[in-house]
N, C-alpha and C. Protein backbone atom coordinates (compact mmCIF):
# COMPACT_ATOMS: atom_id res chain seq x y z
N MET A 1 25.34 0.88 28.86
CA MET A 1 26.03 1.92 28.10
C MET A 1 27.33 1.40 27.52
N ASN A 2 27.98 0.46 28.20
CA ASN A 2 29.22 -0.10 27.65
C ASN A 2 28.96 -0.78 26.31
N TRP A 3 27.84 -1.53 26.24
CA TRP A 3 27.51 -2.20 24.98
C TRP A 3 27.27 -1.16 23.88
N LEU A 4 26.56 -0.09 24.22
CA LEU A 4 26.25 0.94 23.24
C LEU A 4 27.53 1.61 22.72
N ASN A 5 28.44 1.92 23.62
CA ASN A 5 29.70 2.56 23.22
C ASN A 5 30.53 1.66 22.31
N ARG A 6 30.48 0.34 22.56
CA ARG A 6 31.26 -0.59 21.75
C ARG A 6 30.60 -0.90 20.41
N SER A 7 29.30 -0.65 20.31
CA SER A 7 28.53 -1.18 19.18
C SER A 7 28.16 -0.15 18.12
N TRP A 8 28.68 1.07 18.22
CA TRP A 8 28.33 2.08 17.22
C TRP A 8 28.67 1.64 15.79
N PRO A 9 29.84 1.04 15.55
CA PRO A 9 30.12 0.56 14.18
C PRO A 9 29.10 -0.46 13.70
N LEU A 10 28.69 -1.39 14.59
CA LEU A 10 27.68 -2.38 14.23
C LEU A 10 26.35 -1.71 13.93
N ILE A 11 25.96 -0.76 14.79
CA ILE A 11 24.68 -0.06 14.60
C ILE A 11 24.68 0.71 13.28
N GLY A 12 25.81 1.38 12.99
CA GLY A 12 25.90 2.13 11.75
C GLY A 12 25.82 1.23 10.54
N SER A 13 26.50 0.09 10.60
CA SER A 13 26.49 -0.86 9.49
C SER A 13 25.09 -1.43 9.27
N LEU A 14 24.42 -1.81 10.34
CA LEU A 14 23.07 -2.36 10.23
C LEU A 14 22.07 -1.31 9.74
N THR A 15 22.28 -0.06 10.15
CA THR A 15 21.39 1.02 9.70
C THR A 15 21.54 1.24 8.20
N ALA A 16 22.77 1.24 7.70
CA ALA A 16 23.02 1.40 6.27
C ALA A 16 22.40 0.24 5.49
N GLN A 17 22.56 -0.97 6.02
CA GLN A 17 21.97 -2.15 5.37
C GLN A 17 20.45 -2.06 5.38
N HIS A 18 19.90 -1.57 6.48
CA HIS A 18 18.46 -1.45 6.61
C HIS A 18 17.92 -0.45 5.58
N ALA A 19 18.63 0.66 5.41
CA ALA A 19 18.21 1.67 4.43
C ALA A 19 18.21 1.10 3.02
N LEU A 20 19.24 0.34 2.68
CA LEU A 20 19.32 -0.27 1.35
C LEU A 20 18.17 -1.24 1.12
N LEU A 21 17.93 -2.12 2.09
CA LEU A 21 16.88 -3.12 1.95
C LEU A 21 15.48 -2.50 1.96
N SER A 22 15.35 -1.31 2.55
CA SER A 22 14.05 -0.64 2.62
C SER A 22 13.75 0.18 1.37
N PHE A 23 14.76 0.94 0.91
CA PHE A 23 14.50 1.92 -0.14
C PHE A 23 14.71 1.38 -1.56
N ALA A 24 15.60 0.40 -1.73
CA ALA A 24 15.79 -0.17 -3.07
C ALA A 24 14.49 -0.77 -3.62
N PRO A 25 13.75 -1.54 -2.81
CA PRO A 25 12.46 -2.06 -3.33
C PRO A 25 11.48 -0.97 -3.69
N VAL A 26 11.50 0.14 -2.94
CA VAL A 26 10.58 1.23 -3.23
C VAL A 26 10.89 1.86 -4.59
N LEU A 27 12.16 2.08 -4.86
CA LEU A 27 12.56 2.65 -6.15
C LEU A 27 12.15 1.74 -7.31
N LEU A 28 12.40 0.44 -7.14
CA LEU A 28 12.02 -0.51 -8.18
C LEU A 28 10.50 -0.56 -8.35
N ALA A 29 9.79 -0.56 -7.24
CA ALA A 29 8.33 -0.63 -7.29
C ALA A 29 7.73 0.62 -7.90
N MET A 30 8.36 1.78 -7.67
CA MET A 30 7.86 3.02 -8.26
C MET A 30 7.88 2.94 -9.78
N ILE A 31 8.98 2.43 -10.33
CA ILE A 31 9.11 2.31 -11.78
C ILE A 31 8.07 1.34 -12.33
N ILE A 32 7.96 0.18 -11.67
CA ILE A 32 7.02 -0.85 -12.15
C ILE A 32 5.58 -0.38 -12.02
N SER A 33 5.24 0.21 -10.87
CA SER A 33 3.84 0.56 -10.61
C SER A 33 3.38 1.76 -11.43
N LEU A 34 4.29 2.66 -11.80
CA LEU A 34 3.88 3.78 -12.65
C LEU A 34 3.39 3.28 -14.00
N VAL A 35 4.12 2.32 -14.55
CA VAL A 35 3.72 1.74 -15.84
C VAL A 35 2.49 0.85 -15.67
N LEU A 36 2.58 -0.08 -14.70
CA LEU A 36 1.50 -1.04 -14.50
C LEU A 36 0.22 -0.34 -14.03
N GLY A 37 0.39 0.62 -13.12
CA GLY A 37 -0.78 1.34 -12.60
C GLY A 37 -1.49 2.14 -13.67
N TYR A 38 -0.71 2.75 -14.56
CA TYR A 38 -1.34 3.51 -15.65
C TYR A 38 -2.11 2.57 -16.58
N LEU A 39 -1.50 1.42 -16.89
CA LEU A 39 -2.19 0.45 -17.75
C LEU A 39 -3.47 -0.06 -17.09
N LEU A 40 -3.41 -0.28 -15.77
CA LEU A 40 -4.61 -0.70 -15.05
C LEU A 40 -5.67 0.40 -15.09
N HIS A 41 -5.24 1.62 -14.93
CA HIS A 41 -6.16 2.77 -14.98
C HIS A 41 -6.88 2.83 -16.32
N ARG A 42 -6.18 2.48 -17.38
CA ARG A 42 -6.76 2.55 -18.72
C ARG A 42 -7.82 1.47 -18.95
N THR A 43 -7.84 0.45 -18.08
CA THR A 43 -8.85 -0.60 -18.23
C THR A 43 -10.21 -0.19 -17.67
N GLY A 44 -10.27 1.00 -17.04
CA GLY A 44 -11.53 1.49 -16.50
C GLY A 44 -11.95 0.76 -15.24
N ARG A 45 -13.23 0.39 -15.17
CA ARG A 45 -13.75 -0.25 -13.97
C ARG A 45 -13.13 -1.62 -13.72
N PHE A 46 -12.65 -2.25 -14.78
CA PHE A 46 -12.03 -3.56 -14.63
C PHE A 46 -10.77 -3.48 -13.77
N ALA A 47 -10.22 -2.27 -13.62
CA ALA A 47 -9.02 -2.08 -12.79
C ALA A 47 -9.28 -2.51 -11.35
N ASN A 48 -10.50 -2.30 -10.85
CA ASN A 48 -10.82 -2.69 -9.48
C ASN A 48 -10.69 -4.19 -9.28
N VAL A 49 -11.12 -4.95 -10.28
CA VAL A 49 -11.02 -6.40 -10.21
C VAL A 49 -9.56 -6.83 -10.21
N LEU A 50 -8.76 -6.22 -11.08
CA LEU A 50 -7.35 -6.57 -11.17
C LEU A 50 -6.60 -6.18 -9.90
N LEU A 51 -6.94 -5.03 -9.34
CA LEU A 51 -6.29 -4.60 -8.10
C LEU A 51 -6.64 -5.53 -6.94
N ALA A 52 -7.89 -5.97 -6.90
CA ALA A 52 -8.30 -6.92 -5.86
C ALA A 52 -7.56 -8.24 -6.02
N ALA A 53 -7.38 -8.67 -7.27
CA ALA A 53 -6.69 -9.94 -7.53
C ALA A 53 -5.22 -9.85 -7.12
N THR A 54 -4.55 -8.77 -7.49
CA THR A 54 -3.14 -8.62 -7.12
C THR A 54 -2.98 -8.36 -5.63
N GLY A 55 -4.02 -7.79 -5.02
CA GLY A 55 -3.96 -7.51 -3.58
C GLY A 55 -3.84 -8.76 -2.74
N VAL A 56 -4.23 -9.90 -3.31
CA VAL A 56 -4.12 -11.17 -2.59
C VAL A 56 -2.66 -11.47 -2.25
N VAL A 57 -1.74 -10.98 -3.09
CA VAL A 57 -0.31 -11.21 -2.86
C VAL A 57 0.10 -10.66 -1.50
N TYR A 58 -0.49 -9.51 -1.13
CA TYR A 58 -0.12 -8.87 0.14
C TYR A 58 -0.59 -9.69 1.35
N ALA A 59 -1.50 -10.63 1.11
CA ALA A 59 -1.98 -11.49 2.19
C ALA A 59 -0.97 -12.58 2.53
N ILE A 60 0.01 -12.79 1.65
CA ILE A 60 1.05 -13.80 1.93
C ILE A 60 1.93 -13.30 3.08
N PRO A 61 2.10 -14.07 4.15
CA PRO A 61 2.96 -13.63 5.26
C PRO A 61 4.37 -13.33 4.77
N SER A 62 4.93 -12.23 5.26
CA SER A 62 6.26 -11.82 4.80
C SER A 62 7.32 -12.87 5.11
N ILE A 63 7.20 -13.52 6.25
CA ILE A 63 8.19 -14.55 6.61
C ILE A 63 8.17 -15.67 5.57
N ALA A 64 6.97 -16.09 5.18
CA ALA A 64 6.86 -17.16 4.18
C ALA A 64 7.48 -16.75 2.86
N LEU A 65 7.26 -15.49 2.47
CA LEU A 65 7.80 -15.02 1.20
C LEU A 65 9.32 -14.90 1.26
N PHE A 66 9.84 -14.41 2.38
CA PHE A 66 11.29 -14.29 2.54
C PHE A 66 11.96 -15.67 2.46
N VAL A 67 11.34 -16.65 3.10
CA VAL A 67 11.92 -17.99 3.15
C VAL A 67 11.87 -18.69 1.79
N THR A 68 10.79 -18.45 1.03
CA THR A 68 10.64 -19.14 -0.25
C THR A 68 11.38 -18.45 -1.40
N MET A 69 11.79 -17.20 -1.21
CA MET A 69 12.48 -16.48 -2.28
C MET A 69 13.73 -17.19 -2.78
N PRO A 70 14.58 -17.74 -1.90
CA PRO A 70 15.75 -18.46 -2.41
C PRO A 70 15.39 -19.63 -3.32
N LEU A 71 14.25 -20.28 -3.04
CA LEU A 71 13.81 -21.39 -3.89
C LEU A 71 13.32 -20.89 -5.24
N ILE A 72 12.67 -19.73 -5.24
CA ILE A 72 12.14 -19.16 -6.47
C ILE A 72 13.26 -18.57 -7.32
N LEU A 73 14.19 -17.86 -6.68
CA LEU A 73 15.23 -17.13 -7.41
C LEU A 73 16.50 -17.94 -7.60
N GLY A 74 16.63 -19.02 -6.84
CA GLY A 74 17.86 -19.80 -6.91
C GLY A 74 19.03 -19.11 -6.24
N THR A 75 18.74 -18.26 -5.25
CA THR A 75 19.78 -17.52 -4.54
C THR A 75 20.11 -18.22 -3.22
N ARG A 76 21.15 -17.71 -2.56
CA ARG A 76 21.49 -18.22 -1.23
C ARG A 76 20.52 -17.65 -0.20
N ILE A 77 20.32 -18.36 0.89
CA ILE A 77 19.36 -17.96 1.91
C ILE A 77 19.69 -16.60 2.50
N LEU A 78 21.01 -16.26 2.57
CA LEU A 78 21.41 -14.98 3.16
C LEU A 78 21.66 -13.89 2.13
N ASP A 79 21.26 -14.12 0.90
CA ASP A 79 21.46 -13.11 -0.15
C ASP A 79 20.46 -11.97 0.05
N PRO A 80 20.93 -10.71 0.12
CA PRO A 80 20.02 -9.57 0.31
C PRO A 80 18.97 -9.45 -0.79
N ILE A 81 19.24 -10.01 -1.96
CA ILE A 81 18.30 -9.91 -3.07
C ILE A 81 16.96 -10.54 -2.72
N ASN A 82 16.96 -11.52 -1.81
CA ASN A 82 15.71 -12.16 -1.40
C ASN A 82 14.76 -11.15 -0.76
N ILE A 83 15.31 -10.33 0.14
CA ILE A 83 14.51 -9.31 0.82
C ILE A 83 14.07 -8.24 -0.18
N ILE A 84 14.99 -7.82 -1.04
CA ILE A 84 14.69 -6.75 -2.00
C ILE A 84 13.58 -7.17 -2.95
N VAL A 85 13.66 -8.38 -3.49
CA VAL A 85 12.63 -8.84 -4.43
C VAL A 85 11.28 -8.99 -3.72
N ALA A 86 11.30 -9.59 -2.53
CA ALA A 86 10.04 -9.79 -1.80
C ALA A 86 9.36 -8.45 -1.49
N LEU A 87 10.14 -7.49 -1.02
CA LEU A 87 9.56 -6.19 -0.69
C LEU A 87 9.18 -5.40 -1.93
N THR A 88 9.87 -5.65 -3.04
CA THR A 88 9.47 -5.01 -4.30
C THR A 88 8.09 -5.49 -4.71
N VAL A 89 7.83 -6.78 -4.52
CA VAL A 89 6.51 -7.34 -4.84
C VAL A 89 5.44 -6.68 -3.97
N TYR A 90 5.68 -6.66 -2.65
CA TYR A 90 4.73 -6.02 -1.73
C TYR A 90 4.52 -4.55 -2.09
N SER A 91 5.61 -3.83 -2.33
CA SER A 91 5.53 -2.39 -2.60
C SER A 91 4.76 -2.11 -3.89
N THR A 92 5.00 -2.94 -4.90
CA THR A 92 4.30 -2.75 -6.17
C THR A 92 2.80 -2.94 -6.00
N VAL A 93 2.42 -3.95 -5.24
CA VAL A 93 0.99 -4.20 -5.00
C VAL A 93 0.33 -2.99 -4.34
N LEU A 94 1.01 -2.42 -3.33
CA LEU A 94 0.45 -1.26 -2.64
C LEU A 94 0.44 -0.02 -3.51
N LEU A 95 1.54 0.20 -4.22
CA LEU A 95 1.66 1.41 -5.04
C LEU A 95 0.73 1.39 -6.24
N ASN A 96 0.42 0.20 -6.75
CA ASN A 96 -0.48 0.11 -7.90
C ASN A 96 -1.80 0.83 -7.62
N ARG A 97 -2.35 0.59 -6.45
CA ARG A 97 -3.64 1.22 -6.11
C ARG A 97 -3.48 2.73 -6.01
N SER A 98 -2.37 3.19 -5.42
CA SER A 98 -2.15 4.64 -5.31
C SER A 98 -1.99 5.28 -6.67
N VAL A 99 -1.31 4.58 -7.58
CA VAL A 99 -1.12 5.11 -8.94
C VAL A 99 -2.46 5.18 -9.67
N VAL A 100 -3.24 4.12 -9.58
CA VAL A 100 -4.56 4.11 -10.23
C VAL A 100 -5.44 5.21 -9.65
N ASP A 101 -5.47 5.31 -8.32
CA ASP A 101 -6.28 6.36 -7.68
C ASP A 101 -5.78 7.74 -8.07
N GLY A 102 -4.45 7.88 -8.20
CA GLY A 102 -3.89 9.16 -8.60
C GLY A 102 -4.34 9.58 -9.98
N PHE A 103 -4.27 8.68 -10.93
CA PHE A 103 -4.71 9.01 -12.29
C PHE A 103 -6.22 9.24 -12.34
N ARG A 104 -6.96 8.53 -11.48
CA ARG A 104 -8.40 8.74 -11.44
C ARG A 104 -8.76 10.12 -10.89
N SER A 105 -7.86 10.67 -10.07
CA SER A 105 -8.13 11.97 -9.45
C SER A 105 -7.90 13.14 -10.41
N VAL A 106 -7.30 12.87 -11.56
CA VAL A 106 -7.04 13.93 -12.53
C VAL A 106 -8.36 14.40 -13.13
N PRO A 107 -8.65 15.69 -13.08
CA PRO A 107 -9.91 16.20 -13.64
C PRO A 107 -10.03 15.88 -15.13
N THR A 108 -11.21 15.44 -15.53
CA THR A 108 -11.46 15.12 -16.93
C THR A 108 -11.23 16.34 -17.82
N GLU A 109 -11.54 17.53 -17.28
CA GLU A 109 -11.37 18.76 -18.05
C GLU A 109 -9.91 18.98 -18.44
N ALA A 110 -8.99 18.62 -17.53
CA ALA A 110 -7.56 18.79 -17.81
C ALA A 110 -7.11 17.87 -18.94
N VAL A 111 -7.61 16.64 -18.93
CA VAL A 111 -7.26 15.68 -19.99
C VAL A 111 -7.84 16.14 -21.32
N GLN A 112 -9.08 16.60 -21.30
CA GLN A 112 -9.72 17.07 -22.53
C GLN A 112 -9.02 18.30 -23.08
N ALA A 113 -8.59 19.18 -22.21
CA ALA A 113 -7.87 20.37 -22.65
C ALA A 113 -6.55 20.00 -23.31
N ALA A 114 -5.86 19.00 -22.73
CA ALA A 114 -4.60 18.53 -23.33
C ALA A 114 -4.84 17.94 -24.71
N HIS A 115 -5.94 17.20 -24.85
CA HIS A 115 -6.31 16.65 -26.16
C HIS A 115 -6.55 17.77 -27.16
N ALA A 116 -7.29 18.78 -26.70
CA ALA A 116 -7.64 19.88 -27.59
C ALA A 116 -6.41 20.66 -28.04
N MET A 117 -5.37 20.67 -27.20
CA MET A 117 -4.14 21.38 -27.54
C MET A 117 -3.20 20.53 -28.38
N GLY A 118 -3.64 19.32 -28.70
CA GLY A 118 -2.85 18.47 -29.58
C GLY A 118 -1.77 17.66 -28.89
N PHE A 119 -1.87 17.49 -27.56
CA PHE A 119 -0.88 16.70 -26.83
C PHE A 119 -1.01 15.23 -27.22
N GLY A 120 0.13 14.58 -27.49
CA GLY A 120 0.13 13.14 -27.68
C GLY A 120 -0.01 12.43 -26.35
N THR A 121 -0.18 11.11 -26.40
CA THR A 121 -0.41 10.35 -25.17
C THR A 121 0.73 10.49 -24.18
N ILE A 122 1.96 10.30 -24.64
CA ILE A 122 3.11 10.35 -23.73
C ILE A 122 3.26 11.74 -23.15
N ARG A 123 3.17 12.76 -24.00
CA ARG A 123 3.31 14.13 -23.51
C ARG A 123 2.21 14.48 -22.53
N ARG A 124 0.98 14.04 -22.83
CA ARG A 124 -0.14 14.34 -21.94
C ARG A 124 0.04 13.68 -20.57
N VAL A 125 0.48 12.42 -20.59
CA VAL A 125 0.66 11.70 -19.33
C VAL A 125 1.76 12.33 -18.49
N LEU A 126 2.88 12.65 -19.12
CA LEU A 126 4.04 13.16 -18.38
C LEU A 126 3.88 14.60 -17.92
N THR A 127 3.21 15.43 -18.71
CA THR A 127 3.15 16.85 -18.38
C THR A 127 1.82 17.31 -17.79
N VAL A 128 0.79 16.50 -17.93
CA VAL A 128 -0.52 16.90 -17.40
C VAL A 128 -1.03 15.92 -16.35
N GLU A 129 -1.22 14.67 -16.74
CA GLU A 129 -1.84 13.70 -15.83
C GLU A 129 -0.95 13.35 -14.64
N LEU A 130 0.33 13.06 -14.91
CA LEU A 130 1.21 12.65 -13.82
C LEU A 130 1.39 13.73 -12.76
N PRO A 131 1.68 14.99 -13.14
CA PRO A 131 1.80 16.02 -12.09
C PRO A 131 0.54 16.17 -11.26
N LEU A 132 -0.64 16.07 -11.89
CA LEU A 132 -1.89 16.20 -11.15
C LEU A 132 -2.19 14.98 -10.29
N ALA A 133 -1.64 13.84 -10.68
CA ALA A 133 -1.86 12.61 -9.91
C ALA A 133 -0.87 12.44 -8.77
N LEU A 134 0.23 13.18 -8.81
CA LEU A 134 1.31 12.99 -7.83
C LEU A 134 0.89 13.14 -6.37
N PRO A 135 0.03 14.10 -5.99
CA PRO A 135 -0.34 14.21 -4.57
C PRO A 135 -0.89 12.90 -4.00
N VAL A 136 -1.76 12.24 -4.75
CA VAL A 136 -2.32 10.96 -4.28
C VAL A 136 -1.25 9.89 -4.28
N MET A 137 -0.42 9.86 -5.31
CA MET A 137 0.64 8.85 -5.40
C MET A 137 1.64 9.00 -4.25
N LEU A 138 2.02 10.23 -3.94
CA LEU A 138 3.00 10.45 -2.88
C LEU A 138 2.43 10.09 -1.51
N SER A 139 1.14 10.28 -1.33
CA SER A 139 0.51 9.85 -0.07
C SER A 139 0.62 8.34 0.09
N GLY A 140 0.39 7.62 -1.01
CA GLY A 140 0.55 6.17 -0.98
C GLY A 140 2.00 5.77 -0.78
N LEU A 141 2.91 6.53 -1.37
CA LEU A 141 4.34 6.24 -1.24
C LEU A 141 4.79 6.35 0.20
N ARG A 142 4.25 7.30 0.94
CA ARG A 142 4.62 7.46 2.35
C ARG A 142 4.27 6.20 3.14
N VAL A 143 3.11 5.63 2.87
CA VAL A 143 2.69 4.41 3.55
C VAL A 143 3.61 3.25 3.20
N VAL A 144 3.97 3.13 1.92
CA VAL A 144 4.81 2.04 1.46
C VAL A 144 6.20 2.12 2.08
N VAL A 145 6.77 3.31 2.12
CA VAL A 145 8.13 3.47 2.66
C VAL A 145 8.17 3.09 4.14
N VAL A 146 7.23 3.60 4.91
CA VAL A 146 7.20 3.29 6.34
C VAL A 146 6.95 1.81 6.57
N THR A 147 6.07 1.22 5.76
CA THR A 147 5.79 -0.22 5.88
C THR A 147 7.03 -1.04 5.58
N ASN A 148 7.77 -0.66 4.53
CA ASN A 148 8.99 -1.39 4.18
C ASN A 148 10.02 -1.34 5.29
N ILE A 149 10.21 -0.16 5.86
CA ILE A 149 11.20 -0.01 6.93
C ILE A 149 10.87 -0.94 8.09
N ALA A 150 9.59 -1.09 8.39
CA ALA A 150 9.19 -1.99 9.47
C ALA A 150 9.36 -3.45 9.06
N MET A 151 9.00 -3.78 7.81
CA MET A 151 9.00 -5.18 7.37
C MET A 151 10.40 -5.75 7.21
N VAL A 152 11.39 -4.91 6.95
CA VAL A 152 12.76 -5.41 6.81
C VAL A 152 13.21 -6.14 8.06
N THR A 153 12.75 -5.69 9.21
CA THR A 153 13.16 -6.32 10.47
C THR A 153 12.76 -7.79 10.53
N VAL A 154 11.69 -8.16 9.80
CA VAL A 154 11.23 -9.55 9.80
C VAL A 154 12.28 -10.45 9.16
N GLY A 155 13.10 -9.87 8.30
CA GLY A 155 14.15 -10.65 7.65
C GLY A 155 15.17 -11.22 8.60
N ALA A 156 15.14 -10.78 9.85
CA ALA A 156 16.05 -11.34 10.86
C ALA A 156 15.83 -12.85 11.02
N VAL A 157 14.64 -13.29 10.65
CA VAL A 157 14.33 -14.72 10.75
C VAL A 157 15.28 -15.54 9.88
N ILE A 158 15.69 -14.97 8.73
CA ILE A 158 16.63 -15.68 7.85
C ILE A 158 18.02 -15.07 7.90
N GLY A 159 18.27 -14.26 8.96
CA GLY A 159 19.60 -13.70 9.16
C GLY A 159 19.90 -12.47 8.33
N MET A 160 18.85 -11.84 7.74
CA MET A 160 19.06 -10.66 6.90
C MET A 160 18.15 -9.51 7.29
N GLY A 161 17.88 -9.35 8.58
CA GLY A 161 16.93 -8.34 9.01
C GLY A 161 17.52 -7.00 9.32
N ALA A 162 18.81 -6.79 8.99
CA ALA A 162 19.45 -5.50 9.27
C ALA A 162 19.25 -5.13 10.74
N LEU A 163 18.57 -4.02 11.02
CA LEU A 163 18.37 -3.61 12.40
C LEU A 163 17.56 -4.63 13.20
N GLY A 164 16.82 -5.47 12.51
CA GLY A 164 16.09 -6.53 13.19
C GLY A 164 17.00 -7.52 13.88
N GLN A 165 18.25 -7.57 13.44
CA GLN A 165 19.21 -8.48 14.09
C GLN A 165 19.52 -8.03 15.52
N LEU A 166 19.31 -6.74 15.79
CA LEU A 166 19.49 -6.26 17.17
C LEU A 166 18.41 -6.85 18.08
N PHE A 167 17.22 -7.08 17.51
CA PHE A 167 16.17 -7.72 18.31
C PHE A 167 16.58 -9.14 18.68
N ASP A 168 17.11 -9.88 17.70
CA ASP A 168 17.58 -11.23 17.97
C ASP A 168 18.68 -11.23 19.01
N LEU A 169 19.62 -10.28 18.86
CA LEU A 169 20.72 -10.18 19.81
C LEU A 169 20.22 -9.94 21.22
N GLY A 170 19.24 -9.05 21.35
CA GLY A 170 18.70 -8.75 22.67
C GLY A 170 17.95 -9.91 23.28
N PHE A 171 17.12 -10.59 22.45
CA PHE A 171 16.36 -11.73 22.96
C PHE A 171 17.28 -12.88 23.35
N ASN A 172 18.28 -13.15 22.53
CA ASN A 172 19.17 -14.28 22.80
C ASN A 172 20.06 -14.05 24.01
N SER A 173 20.42 -12.78 24.23
CA SER A 173 21.32 -12.48 25.35
C SER A 173 20.56 -12.07 26.61
N GLY A 174 19.26 -11.86 26.49
CA GLY A 174 18.49 -11.40 27.64
C GLY A 174 18.83 -9.99 28.03
N TYR A 175 19.35 -9.21 27.07
CA TYR A 175 19.78 -7.83 27.31
C TYR A 175 18.90 -6.90 26.50
N VAL A 176 18.21 -5.98 27.15
CA VAL A 176 17.17 -5.19 26.50
C VAL A 176 17.71 -4.03 25.67
N VAL A 177 18.92 -3.58 25.94
CA VAL A 177 19.45 -2.39 25.26
C VAL A 177 19.48 -2.53 23.73
N PRO A 178 19.98 -3.66 23.17
CA PRO A 178 19.96 -3.79 21.71
C PRO A 178 18.56 -3.69 21.12
N ILE A 179 17.57 -4.22 21.85
CA ILE A 179 16.19 -4.16 21.36
C ILE A 179 15.72 -2.71 21.32
N ILE A 180 15.99 -1.96 22.38
CA ILE A 180 15.58 -0.56 22.44
C ILE A 180 16.27 0.25 21.34
N VAL A 181 17.56 -0.01 21.15
CA VAL A 181 18.31 0.70 20.10
C VAL A 181 17.74 0.37 18.72
N GLY A 182 17.42 -0.90 18.49
CA GLY A 182 16.86 -1.31 17.21
C GLY A 182 15.54 -0.62 16.93
N ILE A 183 14.66 -0.61 17.94
CA ILE A 183 13.36 0.03 17.79
C ILE A 183 13.52 1.52 17.52
N ALA A 184 14.43 2.16 18.28
CA ALA A 184 14.65 3.60 18.11
C ALA A 184 15.17 3.93 16.71
N CYS A 185 16.11 3.14 16.23
CA CYS A 185 16.68 3.38 14.89
C CYS A 185 15.64 3.20 13.80
N VAL A 186 14.81 2.17 13.93
CA VAL A 186 13.76 1.94 12.93
C VAL A 186 12.76 3.08 12.94
N MET A 187 12.36 3.53 14.12
CA MET A 187 11.39 4.62 14.22
C MET A 187 11.95 5.92 13.66
N ILE A 188 13.21 6.21 13.99
CA ILE A 188 13.83 7.44 13.49
C ILE A 188 13.94 7.41 11.97
N MET A 189 14.34 6.26 11.42
CA MET A 189 14.46 6.14 9.97
C MET A 189 13.09 6.34 9.30
N ALA A 190 12.05 5.75 9.89
CA ALA A 190 10.70 5.88 9.32
C ALA A 190 10.23 7.33 9.37
N LEU A 191 10.47 8.00 10.50
CA LEU A 191 10.04 9.39 10.64
C LEU A 191 10.79 10.30 9.67
N LEU A 192 12.09 10.08 9.52
CA LEU A 192 12.89 10.89 8.61
C LEU A 192 12.46 10.67 7.16
N ALA A 193 12.23 9.41 6.78
CA ALA A 193 11.81 9.11 5.42
C ALA A 193 10.44 9.71 5.12
N ASP A 194 9.52 9.58 6.07
CA ASP A 194 8.18 10.13 5.88
C ASP A 194 8.24 11.65 5.78
N GLY A 195 9.05 12.27 6.63
CA GLY A 195 9.20 13.72 6.60
C GLY A 195 9.83 14.21 5.31
N LEU A 196 10.79 13.43 4.78
CA LEU A 196 11.46 13.80 3.53
C LEU A 196 10.47 13.77 2.36
N ILE A 197 9.65 12.73 2.31
CA ILE A 197 8.66 12.63 1.23
C ILE A 197 7.65 13.78 1.33
N LEU A 198 7.23 14.09 2.54
CA LEU A 198 6.28 15.20 2.74
C LEU A 198 6.92 16.52 2.32
N LEU A 199 8.21 16.71 2.65
CA LEU A 199 8.91 17.93 2.26
C LEU A 199 9.01 18.04 0.74
N ILE A 200 9.36 16.94 0.09
CA ILE A 200 9.46 16.92 -1.38
C ILE A 200 8.10 17.25 -1.99
N LYS A 201 7.05 16.67 -1.42
CA LYS A 201 5.70 16.93 -1.93
C LYS A 201 5.35 18.42 -1.81
N ASN A 202 5.66 19.04 -0.68
CA ASN A 202 5.33 20.43 -0.48
C ASN A 202 6.17 21.36 -1.36
N LEU A 203 7.42 20.94 -1.64
CA LEU A 203 8.29 21.77 -2.48
C LEU A 203 7.93 21.65 -3.96
N LEU A 204 7.65 20.43 -4.40
CA LEU A 204 7.36 20.21 -5.82
C LEU A 204 5.91 20.52 -6.18
N LEU A 205 5.01 20.32 -5.20
CA LEU A 205 3.58 20.48 -5.49
C LEU A 205 2.93 21.42 -4.47
N PRO A 206 3.40 22.67 -4.36
CA PRO A 206 2.82 23.59 -3.36
C PRO A 206 1.35 23.86 -3.60
N TRP A 207 0.91 23.76 -4.86
CA TRP A 207 -0.49 24.01 -5.19
C TRP A 207 -1.41 22.96 -4.57
N SER A 208 -0.91 21.73 -4.38
CA SER A 208 -1.76 20.67 -3.82
C SER A 208 -2.14 20.98 -2.38
N LYS A 209 -1.24 21.67 -1.68
CA LYS A 209 -1.51 22.04 -0.29
C LYS A 209 -2.65 23.05 -0.22
N ARG A 210 -2.66 23.97 -1.18
CA ARG A 210 -3.72 25.00 -1.21
C ARG A 210 -5.05 24.38 -1.60
N VAL A 211 -4.99 23.37 -2.51
CA VAL A 211 -6.23 22.71 -2.92
C VAL A 211 -6.89 22.00 -1.76
N HIS A 212 -6.07 21.25 -0.95
CA HIS A 212 -6.61 20.52 0.20
C HIS A 212 -7.14 21.49 1.26
N ALA A 213 -6.45 22.63 1.41
CA ALA A 213 -6.86 23.61 2.42
C ALA A 213 -8.21 24.23 2.09
N SER A 214 -8.46 24.39 0.76
CA SER A 214 -9.72 24.96 0.35
C SER A 214 -10.86 23.94 0.39
């Protein structure tokens, strides 16, 4: 308990860093995957081939990607941008499939009705297809966010693991409390983030809940 009482500033700082490294890649990946995923969706059945090809990226071990990022980007080994870029790549790969599946879930009748009403492509996508695709996309987003929060801890290998550094501290000192605190903080952050996305989904898309219930 003495360590815990002394370490609240450290825990708070690492938690804030962990949130930044976890959520910044998700925001970037959302922007990229919405555009890329829609373009993939427009390719029809060929999208499955492209998704499978890009999915190979996710097979790259995260440690290897974190370590090689400084060589690719020309950054310092301890630069947070290494983690952010690597996780953006992973997040985009995962979100692409959710975006494609989301657009595929849009009823053909809704798209045809938008055409009949004279909607242009951009207006149709933003006001008809995207809202109807969001339930599937947000389900995929929940997986990506929780995965990112867990994967950031791996960055401790290069000294940038945020809360993962508590694991290193515990292992190196033979003291279990930092490890328990690190695990608890990561789990709480993941649960809160997942709950927030679910709350946003239920508030913005209450009709999707009724559709699934029926």
